[in-house]
Amino acid sequence: MAARKSGSRRKYGKAASKRVESAMRRRKKGTLKSGRSGRTVKSRKQAIAIGLSEARKKGAKVPRKR
């Protein structure tokens, strides 16, 4: 059985990558805050998750959460 190839379509839109980029910059600057607690985000993975979440809310092309 051959594995199916899923074409060359983008999983994430350009707007989504801009949001993630922005979140990463804010993290580096120290102004990125998380959820209700409002703690400063230090984790790279958390910054990416926040960026994608923001992009999702704005209606950018982002695959839904599993």
Protein backbone atom coordinates (compact mmCIF):
# COMPACT_ATOMS: atom_id res chain seq x y z
CA MET A 1 0.00 0.00 0.00
CA ALA A 2 1.41 3.34 -1.04
CA ALA A 3 1.08 6.28 1.33
CA ARG A 4 -1.10 9.06 -0.01
CA LYS A 5 0.64 12.32 -0.78
CA SER A 6 -1.32 15.39 0.31
CA GLY A 7 -0.41 17.73 -2.53
CA SER A 8 1.52 20.94 -2.00
CA ARG A 9 -1.15 22.98 -0.27
CA ARG A 10 -0.27 25.11 2.72
CA LYS A 11 -1.56 23.95 6.09
CA TYR A 12 -1.18 27.42 7.59
CA GLY A 13 -1.99 30.72 5.90
CA LYS A 14 0.35 33.69 5.71
CA ALA A 15 -1.73 35.59 8.25
CA ALA A 16 -1.20 32.77 10.74
CA SER A 17 2.56 32.90 10.35
CA LYS A 18 2.49 36.68 10.88
CA ARG A 19 0.59 36.20 14.14
CA VAL A 20 3.06 33.59 15.36
CA GLU A 21 5.98 35.82 14.38
CA SER A 22 4.41 38.67 16.34
CA ALA A 23 3.90 36.44 19.40
CA MET A 24 7.53 35.29 19.24
CA ARG A 25 8.73 38.90 19.15
CA ARG A 26 6.52 39.83 22.09
CA ARG A 27 7.89 36.83 23.99
CA LYS A 28 11.45 37.91 23.35
CA LYS A 29 10.61 41.44 24.44
CA GLY A 30 8.93 40.08 27.58
CA THR A 31 5.46 41.50 26.94
CA LEU A 32 3.67 38.28 25.96
CA LYS A 33 1.23 37.28 28.68
CA SER A 34 -0.72 34.06 29.05
CA GLY A 35 -4.40 33.50 29.72
CA ARG A 36 -6.17 34.41 32.93
CA SER A 37 -3.14 34.41 35.19
CA GLY A 38 -1.40 37.02 33.03
CA ARG A 39 2.00 35.47 33.62
CA THR A 40 4.86 36.34 31.29
CA VAL A 41 5.42 33.60 28.73
CA LYS A 42 8.96 32.23 28.58
CA SER A 43 8.37 29.02 26.63
CA ARG A 44 8.86 29.03 22.85
CA LYS A 45 6.16 26.39 22.36
CA GLN A 46 3.69 28.38 24.43
CA ALA A 47 4.38 31.49 22.34
CA ILE A 48 3.66 29.55 19.14
CA ALA A 49 0.43 28.18 20.64
CA ILE A 50 -0.69 31.69 21.62
CA GLY A 51 0.11 33.02 18.14
CA LEU A 52 -1.90 30.25 16.47
CA SER A 53 -4.77 30.76 18.87
CA GLU A 54 -4.88 34.49 18.04
CA ALA A 55 -4.76 33.67 14.33
CA ARG A 56 -7.65 31.22 14.76
CA LYS A 57 -9.74 33.90 16.48
CA LYS A 58 -9.05 36.35 13.63
CA GLY A 59 -10.19 33.76 11.08
CA ALA A 60 -6.80 32.94 9.54
CA LYS A 61 -6.20 29.59 7.87
CA VAL A 62 -5.12 27.36 10.76
CA PRO A 63 -5.98 23.66 11.17
CA ARG A 64 -8.36 23.06 14.06
CA LYS A 65 -7.12 21.69 17.38
CA ARG A 66 -7.12 17.91 17.73
